[in-house]
Amino acid sequence: MEEFRKMRRFKQQLSDKDAETVLRRCTNGILAVYGDNDYPYAVPISYIYSEGKIYMHSALAGHKLDGIRRNPKVSFCVVDKDQIVPEEFTTYFRSVIAFGKARIITDLEEMRIPHNLLCEKYCPNQTQDELEAEFKKGAHHMLYIEITIEHMSGKQARELIPPMHK
């Protein structure tokens, strides 16, 4: 397992449990992959977090897939809070960044797991029949990306830390 940097401002670090809560709560994040000409490529994307993994759907081709194929190491960042407080010259923030290895899922049966998880989060009022029809309609035009998290850290503004934990 690779070594990851320790957070410099450790008092502002979220617990693993709180970081997972943020990942469950947020609806979009930024996926960063190894891009063209050695530039990082970061793209906003909807996702689902479940049991130490992040899932997202994708078209069958594109910049992010090319980057993952070149190097499966990725990072994924979500911003849970971003409140500008001008009178204090600061921002009250909370964010999480995850590092892991991405895997491209193309097997139709294996795609059902992330498909169902995404539908539970983003389409909670649809019937199972509607969700199944949508899967059958789109399954041959998409794939899923699974990120297995190897390291995760969350950080928040010190103003958001409960007084007893400062």
N, C-alpha and C. Protein backbone atom coordinates (compact mmCIF):
# COMPACT_ATOMS: atom_id res chain seq x y z
N MET A 1 0.84 -1.19 0.00
CA MET A 1 0.00 0.00 0.00
C MET A 1 0.88 1.25 0.00
N GLU A 2 0.45 2.22 -0.74
CA GLU A 2 1.22 3.45 -0.86
C GLU A 2 1.06 4.31 0.38
N GLU A 3 2.07 5.12 0.62
CA GLU A 3 2.01 6.10 1.70
C GLU A 3 1.36 7.37 1.19
N PHE A 4 0.51 7.95 1.98
CA PHE A 4 -0.13 9.21 1.65
C PHE A 4 0.27 10.24 2.69
N ARG A 5 0.30 11.48 2.29
CA ARG A 5 0.67 12.55 3.20
C ARG A 5 -0.29 12.64 4.37
N LYS A 6 0.25 12.99 5.50
CA LYS A 6 -0.58 13.28 6.67
C LYS A 6 -1.08 14.72 6.52
N MET A 7 -2.26 14.97 7.04
CA MET A 7 -2.82 16.31 6.96
C MET A 7 -2.05 17.23 7.90
N ARG A 8 -1.62 18.34 7.37
CA ARG A 8 -0.83 19.30 8.15
C ARG A 8 -1.67 19.92 9.27
N ARG A 9 -2.87 20.28 8.97
CA ARG A 9 -3.76 20.87 9.99
C ARG A 9 -4.70 19.79 10.51
N PHE A 10 -4.11 18.87 11.25
CA PHE A 10 -4.82 17.66 11.68
C PHE A 10 -6.02 17.94 12.58
N LYS A 11 -6.02 19.08 13.27
CA LYS A 11 -7.17 19.39 14.14
C LYS A 11 -8.43 19.66 13.31
N GLN A 12 -8.25 19.99 12.03
CA GLN A 12 -9.39 20.25 11.16
C GLN A 12 -9.81 19.01 10.38
N GLN A 13 -9.12 17.91 10.60
CA GLN A 13 -9.40 16.68 9.85
C GLN A 13 -10.71 16.05 10.32
N LEU A 14 -11.51 15.64 9.35
CA LEU A 14 -12.74 14.91 9.65
C LEU A 14 -12.39 13.48 10.00
N SER A 15 -13.18 12.87 10.85
CA SER A 15 -13.03 11.45 11.11
C SER A 15 -13.40 10.68 9.85
N ASP A 16 -12.98 9.44 9.76
CA ASP A 16 -13.37 8.61 8.60
C ASP A 16 -14.89 8.52 8.49
N LYS A 17 -15.55 8.38 9.63
CA LYS A 17 -17.01 8.29 9.63
C LYS A 17 -17.64 9.56 9.08
N ASP A 18 -17.14 10.73 9.51
CA ASP A 18 -17.67 11.99 9.01
C ASP A 18 -17.36 12.19 7.52
N ALA A 19 -16.17 11.76 7.09
CA ALA A 19 -15.82 11.86 5.67
C ALA A 19 -16.76 10.99 4.83
N GLU A 20 -17.06 9.79 5.32
CA GLU A 20 -18.00 8.93 4.60
C GLU A 20 -19.40 9.54 4.56
N THR A 21 -19.81 10.19 5.64
CA THR A 21 -21.11 10.86 5.66
C THR A 21 -21.17 11.94 4.58
N VAL A 22 -20.09 12.70 4.43
CA VAL A 22 -20.03 13.72 3.39
C VAL A 22 -20.13 13.07 2.02
N LEU A 23 -19.39 11.99 1.79
CA LEU A 23 -19.46 11.30 0.49
C LEU A 23 -20.86 10.79 0.19
N ARG A 24 -21.55 10.30 1.21
CA ARG A 24 -22.93 9.82 1.00
C ARG A 24 -23.88 10.97 0.68
N ARG A 25 -23.66 12.12 1.34
CA ARG A 25 -24.59 13.24 1.24
C ARG A 25 -24.46 14.01 -0.08
N CYS A 26 -23.25 14.21 -0.55
CA CYS A 26 -23.05 15.04 -1.75
C CYS A 26 -23.56 14.34 -3.00
N THR A 27 -23.84 15.12 -4.02
CA THR A 27 -24.39 14.56 -5.26
C THR A 27 -23.45 14.71 -6.45
N ASN A 28 -22.40 15.52 -6.30
CA ASN A 28 -21.45 15.63 -7.40
C ASN A 28 -20.05 15.88 -6.84
N GLY A 29 -19.07 15.53 -7.63
CA GLY A 29 -17.69 15.71 -7.23
C GLY A 29 -16.83 15.89 -8.46
N ILE A 30 -15.55 16.03 -8.23
CA ILE A 30 -14.59 16.23 -9.32
C ILE A 30 -13.68 15.00 -9.38
N LEU A 31 -13.71 14.31 -10.51
CA LEU A 31 -12.85 13.17 -10.76
C LEU A 31 -11.61 13.68 -11.48
N ALA A 32 -10.42 13.36 -10.95
CA ALA A 32 -9.17 13.76 -11.59
C ALA A 32 -8.43 12.51 -12.05
N VAL A 33 -8.06 12.50 -13.33
CA VAL A 33 -7.36 11.36 -13.94
C VAL A 33 -6.10 11.87 -14.63
N TYR A 34 -5.29 10.93 -15.06
CA TYR A 34 -4.08 11.25 -15.81
C TYR A 34 -4.50 11.64 -17.21
N GLY A 35 -4.34 12.92 -17.53
CA GLY A 35 -4.85 13.43 -18.79
C GLY A 35 -3.83 13.44 -19.91
N ASP A 36 -4.22 14.04 -21.01
CA ASP A 36 -3.36 14.15 -22.19
C ASP A 36 -2.15 15.03 -21.91
N ASN A 37 -1.03 14.72 -22.56
CA ASN A 37 0.20 15.52 -22.48
C ASN A 37 0.66 15.76 -21.04
N ASP A 38 0.41 14.77 -20.17
CA ASP A 38 0.82 14.81 -18.75
C ASP A 38 0.08 15.85 -17.92
N TYR A 39 -0.98 16.46 -18.45
CA TYR A 39 -1.79 17.37 -17.66
C TYR A 39 -2.84 16.57 -16.91
N PRO A 40 -3.14 16.94 -15.66
CA PRO A 40 -4.27 16.29 -14.99
C PRO A 40 -5.56 16.68 -15.71
N TYR A 41 -6.52 15.80 -15.71
CA TYR A 41 -7.83 16.10 -16.29
C TYR A 41 -8.85 15.90 -15.17
N ALA A 42 -9.56 16.97 -14.83
CA ALA A 42 -10.54 16.92 -13.76
C ALA A 42 -11.90 17.25 -14.34
N VAL A 43 -12.89 16.42 -14.01
CA VAL A 43 -14.21 16.58 -14.59
C VAL A 43 -15.28 16.43 -13.50
N PRO A 44 -16.26 17.35 -13.48
CA PRO A 44 -17.36 17.21 -12.52
C PRO A 44 -18.26 16.05 -12.94
N ILE A 45 -18.73 15.33 -11.92
CA ILE A 45 -19.50 14.13 -12.24
C ILE A 45 -20.43 13.76 -11.09
N SER A 46 -21.60 13.22 -11.40
CA SER A 46 -22.50 12.66 -10.39
C SER A 46 -21.97 11.29 -10.02
N TYR A 47 -22.23 10.87 -8.79
CA TYR A 47 -21.64 9.63 -8.30
C TYR A 47 -22.49 9.05 -7.17
N ILE A 48 -22.09 7.89 -6.73
CA ILE A 48 -22.66 7.26 -5.54
C ILE A 48 -21.51 6.66 -4.74
N TYR A 49 -21.59 6.76 -3.43
CA TYR A 49 -20.59 6.14 -2.54
C TYR A 49 -21.26 4.97 -1.83
N SER A 50 -20.58 3.83 -1.80
CA SER A 50 -21.12 2.66 -1.11
C SER A 50 -19.97 1.73 -0.72
N GLU A 51 -19.89 1.44 0.56
CA GLU A 51 -18.98 0.43 1.09
C GLU A 51 -17.54 0.60 0.60
N GLY A 52 -17.01 1.80 0.75
CA GLY A 52 -15.62 2.06 0.41
C GLY A 52 -15.34 2.23 -1.08
N LYS A 53 -16.39 2.35 -1.87
CA LYS A 53 -16.23 2.50 -3.32
C LYS A 53 -17.06 3.68 -3.80
N ILE A 54 -16.57 4.29 -4.85
CA ILE A 54 -17.29 5.37 -5.53
C ILE A 54 -17.62 4.86 -6.93
N TYR A 55 -18.88 5.05 -7.34
CA TYR A 55 -19.31 4.60 -8.67
C TYR A 55 -19.85 5.79 -9.45
N MET A 56 -19.63 5.76 -10.76
CA MET A 56 -20.19 6.76 -11.65
C MET A 56 -20.43 6.12 -13.01
N HIS A 57 -21.38 6.63 -13.75
CA HIS A 57 -21.58 6.09 -15.09
C HIS A 57 -20.88 6.97 -16.10
N SER A 58 -20.70 6.42 -17.29
CA SER A 58 -19.95 7.12 -18.32
C SER A 58 -20.40 6.64 -19.70
N ALA A 59 -20.15 7.47 -20.69
CA ALA A 59 -20.28 7.02 -22.07
C ALA A 59 -19.18 6.00 -22.34
N LEU A 60 -19.21 5.38 -23.47
CA LEU A 60 -18.26 4.31 -23.80
C LEU A 60 -16.87 4.82 -24.17
N ALA A 61 -16.74 6.11 -24.45
CA ALA A 61 -15.44 6.66 -24.84
C ALA A 61 -15.33 8.07 -24.30
N GLY A 62 -14.09 8.53 -24.14
CA GLY A 62 -13.89 9.90 -23.70
C GLY A 62 -12.58 10.08 -22.96
N HIS A 63 -12.33 11.33 -22.62
CA HIS A 63 -11.08 11.74 -22.00
C HIS A 63 -10.84 11.03 -20.66
N LYS A 64 -11.86 10.96 -19.80
CA LYS A 64 -11.65 10.32 -18.49
C LYS A 64 -11.34 8.84 -18.63
N LEU A 65 -11.98 8.17 -19.56
CA LEU A 65 -11.70 6.74 -19.77
C LEU A 65 -10.30 6.52 -20.32
N ASP A 66 -9.88 7.38 -21.23
CA ASP A 66 -8.52 7.28 -21.75
C ASP A 66 -7.50 7.44 -20.62
N GLY A 67 -7.76 8.40 -19.74
CA GLY A 67 -6.86 8.62 -18.61
C GLY A 67 -6.81 7.43 -17.67
N ILE A 68 -7.96 6.85 -17.37
CA ILE A 68 -8.02 5.68 -16.48
C ILE A 68 -7.30 4.50 -17.11
N ARG A 69 -7.45 4.34 -18.41
CA ARG A 69 -6.76 3.23 -19.08
C ARG A 69 -5.25 3.41 -19.05
N ARG A 70 -4.78 4.67 -19.12
CA ARG A 70 -3.34 4.93 -19.05
C ARG A 70 -2.80 4.71 -17.64
N ASN A 71 -3.60 5.13 -16.65
CA ASN A 71 -3.17 5.02 -15.26
C ASN A 71 -4.43 4.98 -14.40
N PRO A 72 -4.70 3.86 -13.73
CA PRO A 72 -5.94 3.75 -12.96
C PRO A 72 -5.95 4.54 -11.66
N LYS A 73 -4.82 5.14 -11.27
CA LYS A 73 -4.80 5.95 -10.04
C LYS A 73 -5.53 7.26 -10.29
N VAL A 74 -6.52 7.53 -9.43
CA VAL A 74 -7.35 8.72 -9.59
C VAL A 74 -7.54 9.39 -8.22
N SER A 75 -8.04 10.60 -8.26
CA SER A 75 -8.52 11.24 -7.04
C SER A 75 -9.93 11.77 -7.32
N PHE A 76 -10.67 11.90 -6.24
CA PHE A 76 -12.06 12.34 -6.35
C PHE A 76 -12.33 13.28 -5.18
N CYS A 77 -12.84 14.46 -5.46
CA CYS A 77 -13.04 15.48 -4.44
C CYS A 77 -14.49 15.94 -4.43
N VAL A 78 -15.04 16.11 -3.23
CA VAL A 78 -16.37 16.70 -3.07
C VAL A 78 -16.27 17.87 -2.11
N VAL A 79 -17.08 18.89 -2.36
CA VAL A 79 -17.18 20.05 -1.48
C VAL A 79 -18.57 20.02 -0.88
N ASP A 80 -18.62 19.86 0.43
CA ASP A 80 -19.88 19.74 1.15
C ASP A 80 -20.39 21.10 1.62
N LYS A 81 -19.49 21.99 1.92
CA LYS A 81 -19.87 23.31 2.41
C LYS A 81 -18.87 24.31 1.89
N ASP A 82 -19.37 25.46 1.47
CA ASP A 82 -18.50 26.53 0.95
C ASP A 82 -19.22 27.85 1.21
N GLN A 83 -19.14 28.29 2.44
CA GLN A 83 -19.84 29.51 2.85
C GLN A 83 -18.84 30.63 3.03
N ILE A 84 -18.93 31.63 2.18
CA ILE A 84 -18.03 32.78 2.27
C ILE A 84 -18.50 33.68 3.42
N VAL A 85 -17.55 34.06 4.28
CA VAL A 85 -17.85 34.91 5.42
C VAL A 85 -16.96 36.15 5.30
N PRO A 86 -17.41 37.14 4.50
CA PRO A 86 -16.55 38.29 4.20
C PRO A 86 -16.12 39.09 5.43
N GLU A 87 -17.01 39.22 6.40
CA GLU A 87 -16.67 40.02 7.58
C GLU A 87 -15.57 39.37 8.42
N GLU A 88 -15.33 38.08 8.21
CA GLU A 88 -14.25 37.38 8.91
C GLU A 88 -13.07 37.09 7.98
N PHE A 89 -13.16 37.50 6.73
CA PHE A 89 -12.11 37.26 5.73
C PHE A 89 -11.78 35.77 5.64
N THR A 90 -12.82 34.96 5.58
CA THR A 90 -12.60 33.52 5.53
C THR A 90 -13.76 32.82 4.84
N THR A 91 -13.63 31.54 4.74
CA THR A 91 -14.67 30.67 4.20
C THR A 91 -14.89 29.52 5.17
N TYR A 92 -16.13 29.23 5.47
CA TYR A 92 -16.45 28.03 6.25
C TYR A 92 -16.63 26.91 5.24
N PHE A 93 -15.75 25.96 5.26
CA PHE A 93 -15.74 24.91 4.25
C PHE A 93 -15.71 23.52 4.89
N ARG A 94 -16.11 22.56 4.10
CA ARG A 94 -15.97 21.13 4.46
C ARG A 94 -15.84 20.39 3.15
N SER A 95 -14.81 19.56 3.05
CA SER A 95 -14.58 18.82 1.81
C SER A 95 -13.91 17.49 2.12
N VAL A 96 -13.98 16.61 1.14
CA VAL A 96 -13.35 15.29 1.24
C VAL A 96 -12.64 15.01 -0.07
N ILE A 97 -11.46 14.43 0.03
CA ILE A 97 -10.76 13.96 -1.16
C ILE A 97 -10.41 12.50 -0.95
N ALA A 98 -10.68 11.70 -1.97
CA ALA A 98 -10.39 10.27 -1.93
C ALA A 98 -9.39 9.94 -3.04
N PHE A 99 -8.48 9.04 -2.72
CA PHE A 99 -7.51 8.54 -3.69
C PHE A 99 -7.76 7.05 -3.83
N GLY A 100 -7.68 6.56 -5.05
CA GLY A 100 -7.89 5.14 -5.25
C GLY A 100 -7.59 4.71 -6.67
N LYS A 101 -7.94 3.47 -6.93
CA LYS A 101 -7.74 2.91 -8.27
C LYS A 101 -9.10 2.72 -8.92
N ALA A 102 -9.18 3.18 -10.15
CA ALA A 102 -10.43 3.08 -10.92
C ALA A 102 -10.42 1.82 -11.78
N ARG A 103 -11.59 1.26 -11.90
CA ARG A 103 -11.79 0.09 -12.75
C ARG A 103 -13.01 0.35 -13.61
N ILE A 104 -12.91 0.02 -14.88
CA ILE A 104 -14.01 0.21 -15.82
C ILE A 104 -14.85 -1.06 -15.85
N ILE A 105 -16.15 -0.90 -15.61
CA ILE A 105 -17.08 -2.03 -15.59
C ILE A 105 -17.90 -2.01 -16.87
N THR A 106 -17.81 -3.09 -17.64
CA THR A 106 -18.59 -3.19 -18.88
C THR A 106 -19.54 -4.38 -18.87
N ASP A 107 -19.36 -5.31 -17.94
CA ASP A 107 -20.23 -6.48 -17.84
C ASP A 107 -21.63 -6.03 -17.42
N LEU A 108 -22.64 -6.41 -18.22
CA LEU A 108 -24.00 -5.93 -17.97
C LEU A 108 -24.52 -6.32 -16.59
N GLU A 109 -24.27 -7.53 -16.18
CA GLU A 109 -24.77 -7.96 -14.86
C GLU A 109 -24.06 -7.22 -13.73
N GLU A 110 -22.76 -7.01 -13.87
CA GLU A 110 -22.01 -6.29 -12.85
C GLU A 110 -22.41 -4.82 -12.80
N MET A 111 -22.84 -4.28 -13.95
CA MET A 111 -23.27 -2.88 -14.00
C MET A 111 -24.56 -2.64 -13.22
N ARG A 112 -25.32 -3.69 -12.97
CA ARG A 112 -26.61 -3.53 -12.26
C ARG A 112 -26.43 -2.99 -10.84
N ILE A 113 -25.34 -3.38 -10.18
CA ILE A 113 -25.13 -2.93 -8.80
C ILE A 113 -24.99 -1.41 -8.75
N PRO A 114 -24.02 -0.81 -9.46
CA PRO A 114 -23.95 0.65 -9.40
C PRO A 114 -25.16 1.34 -10.01
N HIS A 115 -25.76 0.73 -11.03
CA HIS A 115 -26.97 1.31 -11.63
C HIS A 115 -28.07 1.43 -10.58
N ASN A 116 -28.31 0.35 -9.84
CA ASN A 116 -29.36 0.37 -8.82
C ASN A 116 -29.04 1.36 -7.71
N LEU A 117 -27.76 1.44 -7.31
CA LEU A 117 -27.37 2.38 -6.27
C LEU A 117 -27.59 3.82 -6.72
N LEU A 118 -27.19 4.13 -7.95
CA LEU A 118 -27.38 5.48 -8.48
C LEU A 118 -28.87 5.82 -8.58
N CYS A 119 -29.67 4.86 -9.02
CA CYS A 119 -31.11 5.10 -9.15
C CYS A 119 -31.75 5.33 -7.79
N GLU A 120 -31.33 4.59 -6.78
CA GLU A 120 -31.86 4.81 -5.43
C GLU A 120 -31.61 6.23 -4.96
N LYS A 121 -30.44 6.77 -5.30
CA LYS A 121 -30.08 8.11 -4.85
C LYS A 121 -30.72 9.20 -5.70
N TYR A 122 -30.69 9.06 -7.01
CA TYR A 122 -31.09 10.14 -7.91
C TYR A 122 -32.51 10.01 -8.46
N CYS A 123 -33.09 8.83 -8.41
CA CYS A 123 -34.43 8.61 -8.96
C CYS A 123 -35.29 7.84 -7.96
N PRO A 124 -35.41 8.32 -6.73
CA PRO A 124 -36.07 7.52 -5.69
C PRO A 124 -37.56 7.28 -5.92
N ASN A 125 -38.20 8.07 -6.76
CA ASN A 125 -39.64 7.92 -6.96
C ASN A 125 -40.01 7.08 -8.17
N GLN A 126 -39.02 6.54 -8.85
CA GLN A 126 -39.29 5.70 -10.02
C GLN A 126 -39.60 4.28 -9.58
N THR A 127 -40.44 3.62 -10.34
CA THR A 127 -40.76 2.22 -10.03
C THR A 127 -39.61 1.32 -10.49
N GLN A 128 -39.57 0.13 -9.96
CA GLN A 128 -38.55 -0.83 -10.37
C GLN A 128 -38.66 -1.15 -11.86
N ASP A 129 -39.88 -1.23 -12.37
CA ASP A 129 -40.07 -1.47 -13.80
C ASP A 129 -39.50 -0.33 -14.64
N GLU A 130 -39.71 0.91 -14.22
CA GLU A 130 -39.16 2.06 -14.94
C GLU A 130 -37.63 2.05 -14.91
N LEU A 131 -37.06 1.71 -13.77
CA LEU A 131 -35.60 1.66 -13.65
C LEU A 131 -35.02 0.55 -14.52
N GLU A 132 -35.69 -0.57 -14.55
CA GLU A 132 -35.22 -1.69 -15.38
C GLU A 132 -35.31 -1.34 -16.86
N ALA A 133 -36.40 -0.67 -17.26
CA ALA A 133 -36.54 -0.27 -18.66
C ALA A 133 -35.44 0.72 -19.04
N GLU A 134 -35.11 1.63 -18.16
CA GLU A 134 -34.05 2.60 -18.44
C GLU A 134 -32.70 1.90 -18.54
N PHE A 135 -32.46 0.93 -17.68
CA PHE A 135 -31.21 0.17 -17.74
C PHE A 135 -31.09 -0.55 -19.08
N LYS A 136 -32.14 -1.23 -19.48
CA LYS A 136 -32.11 -1.97 -20.75
C LYS A 136 -31.92 -1.04 -21.94
N LYS A 137 -32.54 0.14 -21.87
CA LYS A 137 -32.43 1.11 -22.96
C LYS A 137 -31.01 1.67 -23.09
N GLY A 138 -30.35 1.92 -21.95
CA GLY A 138 -29.06 2.60 -21.98
C GLY A 138 -27.83 1.75 -21.76
N ALA A 139 -28.02 0.52 -21.32
CA ALA A 139 -26.87 -0.31 -20.90
C ALA A 139 -25.84 -0.52 -21.99
N HIS A 140 -26.25 -0.56 -23.23
CA HIS A 140 -25.30 -0.83 -24.32
C HIS A 140 -24.61 0.46 -24.80
N HIS A 141 -24.97 1.59 -24.20
CA HIS A 141 -24.39 2.88 -24.58
C HIS A 141 -23.58 3.50 -23.44
N MET A 142 -23.39 2.73 -22.35
CA MET A 142 -22.68 3.28 -21.20
C MET A 142 -21.88 2.19 -20.51
N LEU A 143 -21.12 2.63 -19.54
CA LEU A 143 -20.39 1.73 -18.67
C LEU A 143 -20.33 2.38 -17.31
N TYR A 144 -19.76 1.70 -16.36
CA TYR A 144 -19.60 2.26 -15.03
C TYR A 144 -18.14 2.26 -14.65
N ILE A 145 -17.79 3.22 -13.82
CA ILE A 145 -16.44 3.31 -13.26
C ILE A 145 -16.57 3.06 -11.77
N GLU A 146 -15.72 2.19 -11.27
CA GLU A 146 -15.68 1.89 -9.83
C GLU A 146 -14.33 2.34 -9.30
N ILE A 147 -14.33 3.16 -8.27
CA ILE A 147 -13.10 3.58 -7.62
C ILE A 147 -13.05 2.88 -6.26
N THR A 148 -12.02 2.08 -6.06
CA THR A 148 -11.78 1.48 -4.75
C THR A 148 -10.89 2.45 -3.99
N ILE A 149 -11.41 2.99 -2.90
CA ILE A 149 -10.70 4.01 -2.15
C ILE A 149 -9.55 3.38 -1.37
N GLU A 150 -8.35 3.95 -1.55
CA GLU A 150 -7.17 3.51 -0.82
C GLU A 150 -6.84 4.47 0.32
N HIS A 151 -7.20 5.72 0.14
CA HIS A 151 -6.95 6.74 1.17
C HIS A 151 -7.99 7.84 1.00
N MET A 152 -8.44 8.35 2.14
CA MET A 152 -9.45 9.40 2.11
C MET A 152 -9.17 10.35 3.26
N SER A 153 -9.34 11.63 3.00
CA SER A 153 -9.25 12.59 4.09
C SER A 153 -10.27 13.69 3.87
N GLY A 154 -10.80 14.14 4.98
CA GLY A 154 -11.75 15.24 4.95
C GLY A 154 -11.25 16.35 5.83
N LYS A 155 -11.61 17.56 5.49
CA LYS A 155 -11.15 18.72 6.25
C LYS A 155 -12.29 19.72 6.33
N GLN A 156 -12.32 20.44 7.45
CA GLN A 156 -13.33 21.48 7.60
C GLN A 156 -12.71 22.71 8.26
N ALA A 157 -13.37 23.83 8.05
CA ALA A 157 -12.93 25.06 8.67
C ALA A 157 -12.96 24.90 10.18
N ARG A 158 -12.02 25.51 10.85
CA ARG A 158 -11.97 25.35 12.31
C ARG A 158 -13.22 25.93 12.97
N GLU A 159 -13.87 26.89 12.30
CA GLU A 159 -15.12 27.45 12.83
C GLU A 159 -16.25 26.42 12.88
N LEU A 160 -16.13 25.35 12.12
CA LEU A 160 -17.18 24.32 12.10
C LEU A 160 -16.91 23.20 13.10
N ILE A 161 -15.75 23.21 13.71
CA ILE A 161 -15.40 22.18 14.68
C ILE A 161 -16.15 22.46 15.98
N PRO A 162 -16.86 21.45 16.51
CA PRO A 162 -17.55 21.67 17.79
C PRO A 162 -16.55 22.11 18.87
N PRO A 163 -16.96 23.03 19.75
CA PRO A 163 -16.05 23.60 20.75
C PRO A 163 -15.29 22.55 21.57
N MET A 164 -15.90 21.45 21.90
CA MET A 164 -15.23 20.45 22.73
C MET A 164 -14.12 19.71 21.99
N HIS A 165 -14.04 19.85 20.66
CA HIS A 165 -13.04 19.13 19.87
C HIS A 165 -11.90 20.02 19.38
N LYS A 166 -11.95 21.30 19.68
CA LYS A 166 -10.91 22.23 19.17
C LYS A 166 -9.61 22.06 19.92
